[in-house]
Amino acid sequence: MKTLLLLTTIAGCLALPPVAQADSAYDGSWDLVFVTQRGECDPTYNFAVNITNGVVTHPNLVRFSGHVTRSGAVRASVTVHEKYASGSGRLTRNSGRGTWNGHSGAARCSGYWTAQRN
């Protein structure tokens, strides 16, 4: 459960706060996959987010900050209780990829993420 919450937290890395742009090229539903390359987290975790006017939403995320630029560069971080994760990467019109790292207490994990537009 701790690992699942950490990976849900990492998902928040892609949950972006409002950016001054309308009708973002990235609007729509996206499927995300997080792959752990180092650390004691689940090997992979999948979930979906929605982007509207450049804002990414997920019903279970609490605290996050980040942004996506017009060129698709993504940088974000999220905190849930004692768990923290940050990530960066790039979205294109239909896919994306980047890296993430985080911690849950003393446990550290890192890897990469991919995104695919639905």
N, C-alpha and C. Protein backbone atom coordinates (compact mmCIF):
# COMPACT_ATOMS: atom_id res chain seq x y z
N MET A 1 0.83 -1.19 0.00
CA MET A 1 0.00 0.00 0.00
C MET A 1 0.88 1.25 0.00
N LYS A 2 1.99 1.21 0.77
CA LYS A 2 2.91 2.35 0.82
C LYS A 2 3.47 2.62 -0.57
N THR A 3 3.81 1.56 -1.29
CA THR A 3 4.35 1.71 -2.64
C THR A 3 3.29 2.26 -3.58
N LEU A 4 2.06 1.77 -3.46
CA LEU A 4 0.98 2.25 -4.31
C LEU A 4 0.74 3.73 -4.08
N LEU A 5 0.77 4.17 -2.82
CA LEU A 5 0.57 5.59 -2.52
C LEU A 5 1.72 6.42 -3.07
N LEU A 6 2.95 5.91 -2.96
CA LEU A 6 4.09 6.63 -3.52
C LEU A 6 3.93 6.79 -5.02
N LEU A 7 3.52 5.73 -5.70
CA LEU A 7 3.37 5.82 -7.15
C LEU A 7 2.18 6.69 -7.53
N THR A 8 1.12 6.69 -6.73
CA THR A 8 0.02 7.61 -6.96
C THR A 8 0.53 9.03 -6.77
N THR A 9 1.39 9.21 -5.77
CA THR A 9 1.99 10.51 -5.53
C THR A 9 2.82 10.94 -6.74
N ILE A 10 3.58 10.02 -7.26
CA ILE A 10 4.40 10.32 -8.43
C ILE A 10 3.51 10.70 -9.60
N ALA A 11 2.37 10.08 -9.68
CA ALA A 11 1.42 10.45 -10.71
C ALA A 11 1.11 11.93 -10.62
N GLY A 12 1.09 12.42 -9.42
CA GLY A 12 0.87 13.84 -9.21
C GLY A 12 1.93 14.70 -9.83
N CYS A 13 3.07 14.11 -10.08
CA CYS A 13 4.11 14.88 -10.75
C CYS A 13 3.64 15.35 -12.11
N LEU A 14 2.74 14.61 -12.67
CA LEU A 14 2.20 15.03 -13.96
C LEU A 14 0.97 15.87 -13.80
N ALA A 15 0.46 15.96 -12.60
CA ALA A 15 -0.71 16.79 -12.35
C ALA A 15 -0.24 18.22 -12.24
N LEU A 16 -0.60 19.00 -13.18
CA LEU A 16 -0.04 20.33 -13.31
C LEU A 16 -1.02 21.40 -12.89
N PRO A 17 -0.53 22.45 -12.24
CA PRO A 17 -1.40 23.55 -11.88
C PRO A 17 -1.75 24.38 -13.11
N PRO A 18 -2.69 25.30 -12.97
CA PRO A 18 -3.08 26.10 -14.12
C PRO A 18 -1.90 26.82 -14.76
N VAL A 19 -1.87 26.79 -16.07
CA VAL A 19 -0.85 27.48 -16.85
C VAL A 19 -1.60 28.45 -17.75
N ALA A 20 -1.04 29.62 -17.96
CA ALA A 20 -1.72 30.64 -18.75
C ALA A 20 -1.75 30.24 -20.22
N GLN A 21 -2.62 29.31 -20.54
CA GLN A 21 -2.82 28.93 -21.92
C GLN A 21 -4.21 28.35 -22.05
N ALA A 22 -4.84 28.56 -23.16
CA ALA A 22 -6.17 28.03 -23.41
C ALA A 22 -6.08 27.00 -24.51
N ASP A 23 -6.98 26.03 -24.47
CA ASP A 23 -7.01 25.00 -25.49
C ASP A 23 -5.62 24.44 -25.75
N SER A 24 -5.02 23.92 -24.70
CA SER A 24 -3.69 23.34 -24.79
C SER A 24 -3.65 22.22 -25.82
N ALA A 25 -2.53 22.11 -26.51
CA ALA A 25 -2.34 21.01 -27.47
C ALA A 25 -2.34 19.66 -26.76
N TYR A 26 -2.26 19.66 -25.44
CA TYR A 26 -2.17 18.43 -24.66
C TYR A 26 -3.49 18.06 -24.00
N ASP A 27 -4.56 18.83 -24.27
CA ASP A 27 -5.86 18.55 -23.66
C ASP A 27 -6.36 17.16 -24.05
N GLY A 28 -6.99 16.48 -23.09
CA GLY A 28 -7.57 15.17 -23.35
C GLY A 28 -7.22 14.19 -22.25
N SER A 29 -7.60 12.97 -22.46
CA SER A 29 -7.34 11.88 -21.52
C SER A 29 -6.02 11.19 -21.88
N TRP A 30 -5.20 10.93 -20.85
CA TRP A 30 -3.89 10.31 -21.05
C TRP A 30 -3.74 9.10 -20.14
N ASP A 31 -3.16 8.03 -20.67
CA ASP A 31 -2.78 6.86 -19.87
C ASP A 31 -1.31 7.00 -19.52
N LEU A 32 -0.99 6.81 -18.24
CA LEU A 32 0.39 6.94 -17.75
C LEU A 32 0.89 5.62 -17.22
N VAL A 33 2.16 5.36 -17.44
CA VAL A 33 2.83 4.18 -16.89
C VAL A 33 4.11 4.65 -16.22
N PHE A 34 4.28 4.29 -14.95
CA PHE A 34 5.51 4.58 -14.22
C PHE A 34 6.28 3.28 -14.06
N VAL A 35 7.55 3.30 -14.41
CA VAL A 35 8.41 2.13 -14.31
C VAL A 35 9.51 2.44 -13.31
N THR A 36 9.63 1.58 -12.30
CA THR A 36 10.68 1.74 -11.29
C THR A 36 11.94 1.07 -11.79
N GLN A 37 13.03 1.82 -11.82
CA GLN A 37 14.33 1.26 -12.21
C GLN A 37 15.24 1.05 -11.01
N ARG A 38 15.04 1.85 -9.96
CA ARG A 38 15.85 1.73 -8.74
C ARG A 38 14.94 1.92 -7.54
N GLY A 39 15.21 1.16 -6.49
CA GLY A 39 14.47 1.32 -5.25
C GLY A 39 13.43 0.23 -5.03
N GLU A 40 12.75 0.34 -3.89
CA GLU A 40 11.80 -0.69 -3.47
C GLU A 40 10.36 -0.27 -3.69
N CYS A 41 10.03 0.13 -4.91
CA CYS A 41 8.66 0.44 -5.30
C CYS A 41 8.16 -0.66 -6.23
N ASP A 42 6.84 -0.69 -6.45
CA ASP A 42 6.30 -1.66 -7.41
C ASP A 42 7.01 -1.47 -8.75
N PRO A 43 7.17 -2.56 -9.52
CA PRO A 43 7.88 -2.46 -10.80
C PRO A 43 7.22 -1.49 -11.77
N THR A 44 5.87 -1.49 -11.85
CA THR A 44 5.15 -0.57 -12.72
C THR A 44 3.84 -0.17 -12.05
N TYR A 45 3.30 0.95 -12.50
CA TYR A 45 2.00 1.39 -12.04
C TYR A 45 1.33 2.15 -13.17
N ASN A 46 0.05 1.85 -13.44
CA ASN A 46 -0.70 2.47 -14.53
C ASN A 46 -1.90 3.23 -13.99
N PHE A 47 -2.24 4.35 -14.60
CA PHE A 47 -3.44 5.10 -14.27
C PHE A 47 -3.69 6.13 -15.35
N ALA A 48 -4.82 6.82 -15.27
CA ALA A 48 -5.19 7.82 -16.28
C ALA A 48 -5.37 9.20 -15.64
N VAL A 49 -5.06 10.23 -16.41
CA VAL A 49 -5.29 11.62 -16.01
C VAL A 49 -6.01 12.32 -17.15
N ASN A 50 -6.56 13.48 -16.85
CA ASN A 50 -7.19 14.30 -17.88
C ASN A 50 -6.52 15.67 -17.89
N ILE A 51 -6.27 16.20 -19.06
CA ILE A 51 -5.70 17.54 -19.20
C ILE A 51 -6.75 18.43 -19.86
N THR A 52 -7.03 19.57 -19.22
CA THR A 52 -7.96 20.56 -19.75
C THR A 52 -7.31 21.93 -19.64
N ASN A 53 -7.16 22.60 -20.76
CA ASN A 53 -6.51 23.91 -20.81
C ASN A 53 -5.14 23.89 -20.13
N GLY A 54 -4.41 22.82 -20.31
CA GLY A 54 -3.08 22.69 -19.74
C GLY A 54 -3.04 22.24 -18.31
N VAL A 55 -4.20 22.06 -17.67
CA VAL A 55 -4.27 21.62 -16.27
C VAL A 55 -4.54 20.13 -16.25
N VAL A 56 -3.69 19.38 -15.54
CA VAL A 56 -3.85 17.94 -15.43
C VAL A 56 -4.59 17.63 -14.13
N THR A 57 -5.62 16.78 -14.21
CA THR A 57 -6.38 16.43 -13.02
C THR A 57 -6.42 14.93 -12.81
N HIS A 58 -6.51 14.55 -11.55
CA HIS A 58 -6.67 13.17 -11.13
C HIS A 58 -7.47 13.22 -9.83
N PRO A 59 -8.51 12.40 -9.67
CA PRO A 59 -9.41 12.55 -8.53
C PRO A 59 -8.77 12.32 -7.15
N ASN A 60 -7.64 11.65 -7.06
CA ASN A 60 -7.07 11.32 -5.75
C ASN A 60 -5.85 12.14 -5.35
N LEU A 61 -5.47 13.13 -6.14
CA LEU A 61 -4.28 13.90 -5.82
C LEU A 61 -4.62 15.06 -4.89
N VAL A 62 -3.75 15.31 -3.92
CA VAL A 62 -4.02 16.33 -2.92
C VAL A 62 -3.16 17.57 -3.13
N ARG A 63 -1.85 17.48 -3.01
CA ARG A 63 -0.95 18.63 -3.14
C ARG A 63 0.07 18.38 -4.25
N PHE A 64 0.11 19.28 -5.21
CA PHE A 64 1.09 19.18 -6.27
C PHE A 64 1.37 20.56 -6.84
N SER A 65 2.49 20.68 -7.52
CA SER A 65 2.80 21.89 -8.26
C SER A 65 3.63 21.51 -9.47
N GLY A 66 3.48 22.27 -10.53
CA GLY A 66 4.23 21.98 -11.73
C GLY A 66 3.61 22.66 -12.92
N HIS A 67 4.17 22.43 -14.07
CA HIS A 67 3.66 23.06 -15.28
C HIS A 67 4.10 22.32 -16.53
N VAL A 68 3.38 22.58 -17.60
CA VAL A 68 3.77 22.11 -18.93
C VAL A 68 3.87 23.35 -19.80
N THR A 69 4.97 23.48 -20.50
CA THR A 69 5.16 24.63 -21.37
C THR A 69 4.46 24.40 -22.70
N ARG A 70 4.37 25.45 -23.51
CA ARG A 70 3.77 25.32 -24.83
C ARG A 70 4.50 24.27 -25.68
N SER A 71 5.81 24.11 -25.44
CA SER A 71 6.58 23.13 -26.20
C SER A 71 6.41 21.71 -25.65
N GLY A 72 5.70 21.56 -24.52
CA GLY A 72 5.44 20.24 -23.96
C GLY A 72 6.36 19.83 -22.83
N ALA A 73 7.31 20.69 -22.45
CA ALA A 73 8.20 20.35 -21.34
C ALA A 73 7.40 20.29 -20.04
N VAL A 74 7.59 19.23 -19.28
CA VAL A 74 6.85 19.01 -18.03
C VAL A 74 7.84 18.97 -16.87
N ARG A 75 7.53 19.70 -15.81
CA ARG A 75 8.30 19.63 -14.56
C ARG A 75 7.29 19.78 -13.44
N ALA A 76 7.30 18.85 -12.48
CA ALA A 76 6.31 18.90 -11.41
C ALA A 76 6.79 18.17 -10.18
N SER A 77 6.12 18.44 -9.05
CA SER A 77 6.40 17.73 -7.81
C SER A 77 5.12 17.58 -7.03
N VAL A 78 5.11 16.62 -6.10
CA VAL A 78 3.92 16.35 -5.30
C VAL A 78 4.34 15.86 -3.92
N THR A 79 3.56 16.22 -2.91
CA THR A 79 3.78 15.77 -1.55
C THR A 79 2.47 15.21 -1.00
N VAL A 80 2.52 14.01 -0.43
CA VAL A 80 1.39 13.41 0.27
C VAL A 80 1.93 12.81 1.55
N HIS A 81 1.56 13.41 2.68
CA HIS A 81 2.06 13.00 3.99
C HIS A 81 3.59 13.04 3.96
N GLU A 82 4.26 11.92 4.30
CA GLU A 82 5.73 11.91 4.30
C GLU A 82 6.31 11.46 2.97
N LYS A 83 5.49 11.42 1.95
CA LYS A 83 5.93 10.97 0.63
C LYS A 83 6.10 12.17 -0.30
N TYR A 84 7.15 12.13 -1.10
CA TYR A 84 7.44 13.22 -2.03
C TYR A 84 7.94 12.62 -3.33
N ALA A 85 7.56 13.21 -4.44
CA ALA A 85 8.07 12.77 -5.74
C ALA A 85 8.17 13.98 -6.67
N SER A 86 9.13 13.91 -7.57
CA SER A 86 9.26 14.95 -8.59
C SER A 86 9.59 14.27 -9.91
N GLY A 87 9.21 14.94 -10.98
CA GLY A 87 9.47 14.37 -12.29
C GLY A 87 9.56 15.44 -13.35
N SER A 88 10.13 15.07 -14.47
CA SER A 88 10.21 15.98 -15.60
C SER A 88 10.23 15.16 -16.87
N GLY A 89 9.94 15.81 -17.96
CA GLY A 89 9.94 15.13 -19.24
C GLY A 89 9.30 16.00 -20.30
N ARG A 90 8.73 15.35 -21.30
CA ARG A 90 8.15 16.10 -22.42
C ARG A 90 6.94 15.35 -22.95
N LEU A 91 5.89 16.14 -23.26
CA LEU A 91 4.72 15.61 -23.95
C LEU A 91 4.76 16.05 -25.40
N THR A 92 4.28 15.18 -26.28
CA THR A 92 4.00 15.56 -27.67
C THR A 92 2.49 15.51 -27.80
N ARG A 93 1.98 15.68 -28.98
CA ARG A 93 0.51 15.65 -29.14
C ARG A 93 -0.10 14.34 -28.69
N ASN A 94 0.59 13.21 -28.83
CA ASN A 94 -0.01 11.91 -28.54
C ASN A 94 0.76 11.03 -27.58
N SER A 95 1.93 11.45 -27.13
CA SER A 95 2.70 10.61 -26.22
C SER A 95 3.64 11.48 -25.39
N GLY A 96 4.31 10.85 -24.46
CA GLY A 96 5.25 11.58 -23.63
C GLY A 96 6.16 10.62 -22.90
N ARG A 97 7.23 11.18 -22.34
CA ARG A 97 8.22 10.37 -21.63
C ARG A 97 9.02 11.28 -20.72
N GLY A 98 9.47 10.73 -19.60
CA GLY A 98 10.29 11.50 -18.69
C GLY A 98 10.84 10.62 -17.58
N THR A 99 11.40 11.26 -16.59
CA THR A 99 11.98 10.55 -15.45
C THR A 99 11.31 11.03 -14.17
N TRP A 100 11.37 10.22 -13.14
CA TRP A 100 10.84 10.57 -11.83
C TRP A 100 11.76 10.05 -10.75
N ASN A 101 11.69 10.68 -9.59
CA ASN A 101 12.35 10.16 -8.40
C ASN A 101 11.56 10.62 -7.20
N GLY A 102 11.66 9.87 -6.12
CA GLY A 102 10.89 10.22 -4.95
C GLY A 102 11.32 9.44 -3.73
N HIS A 103 10.64 9.72 -2.62
CA HIS A 103 10.91 8.98 -1.40
C HIS A 103 9.63 8.83 -0.58
N SER A 104 9.62 7.75 0.16
CA SER A 104 8.57 7.47 1.12
C SER A 104 9.28 7.16 2.42
N GLY A 105 9.35 8.14 3.34
CA GLY A 105 10.19 7.98 4.51
C GLY A 105 11.63 7.88 4.06
N ALA A 106 12.31 6.81 4.47
CA ALA A 106 13.71 6.62 4.10
C ALA A 106 13.89 5.90 2.76
N ALA A 107 12.83 5.28 2.26
CA ALA A 107 12.92 4.52 1.00
C ALA A 107 12.99 5.47 -0.19
N ARG A 108 13.93 5.25 -1.09
CA ARG A 108 14.11 6.06 -2.29
C ARG A 108 13.81 5.21 -3.52
N CYS A 109 13.16 5.82 -4.51
CA CYS A 109 12.85 5.13 -5.76
C CYS A 109 13.04 6.10 -6.91
N SER A 110 13.29 5.55 -8.09
CA SER A 110 13.39 6.38 -9.29
C SER A 110 13.14 5.52 -10.52
N GLY A 111 12.87 6.18 -11.62
CA GLY A 111 12.63 5.47 -12.86
C GLY A 111 12.19 6.40 -13.96
N TYR A 112 11.39 5.87 -14.88
CA TYR A 112 10.89 6.69 -15.97
C TYR A 112 9.39 6.54 -16.08
N TRP A 113 8.75 7.48 -16.76
CA TRP A 113 7.33 7.43 -17.01
C TRP A 113 7.08 7.59 -18.51
N THR A 114 5.97 7.02 -18.96
CA THR A 114 5.52 7.22 -20.33
C THR A 114 4.05 7.63 -20.30
N ALA A 115 3.64 8.35 -21.31
CA ALA A 115 2.26 8.79 -21.43
C ALA A 115 1.77 8.53 -22.84
N GLN A 116 0.50 8.15 -22.95
CA GLN A 116 -0.12 7.90 -24.24
C GLN A 116 -1.50 8.53 -24.22
N ARG A 117 -1.79 9.37 -25.21
CA ARG A 117 -3.13 9.98 -25.29
C ARG A 117 -4.15 8.91 -25.63
N ASN A 118 -5.30 8.96 -24.97
CA ASN A 118 -6.39 8.01 -25.28
C ASN A 118 -7.08 8.40 -26.56
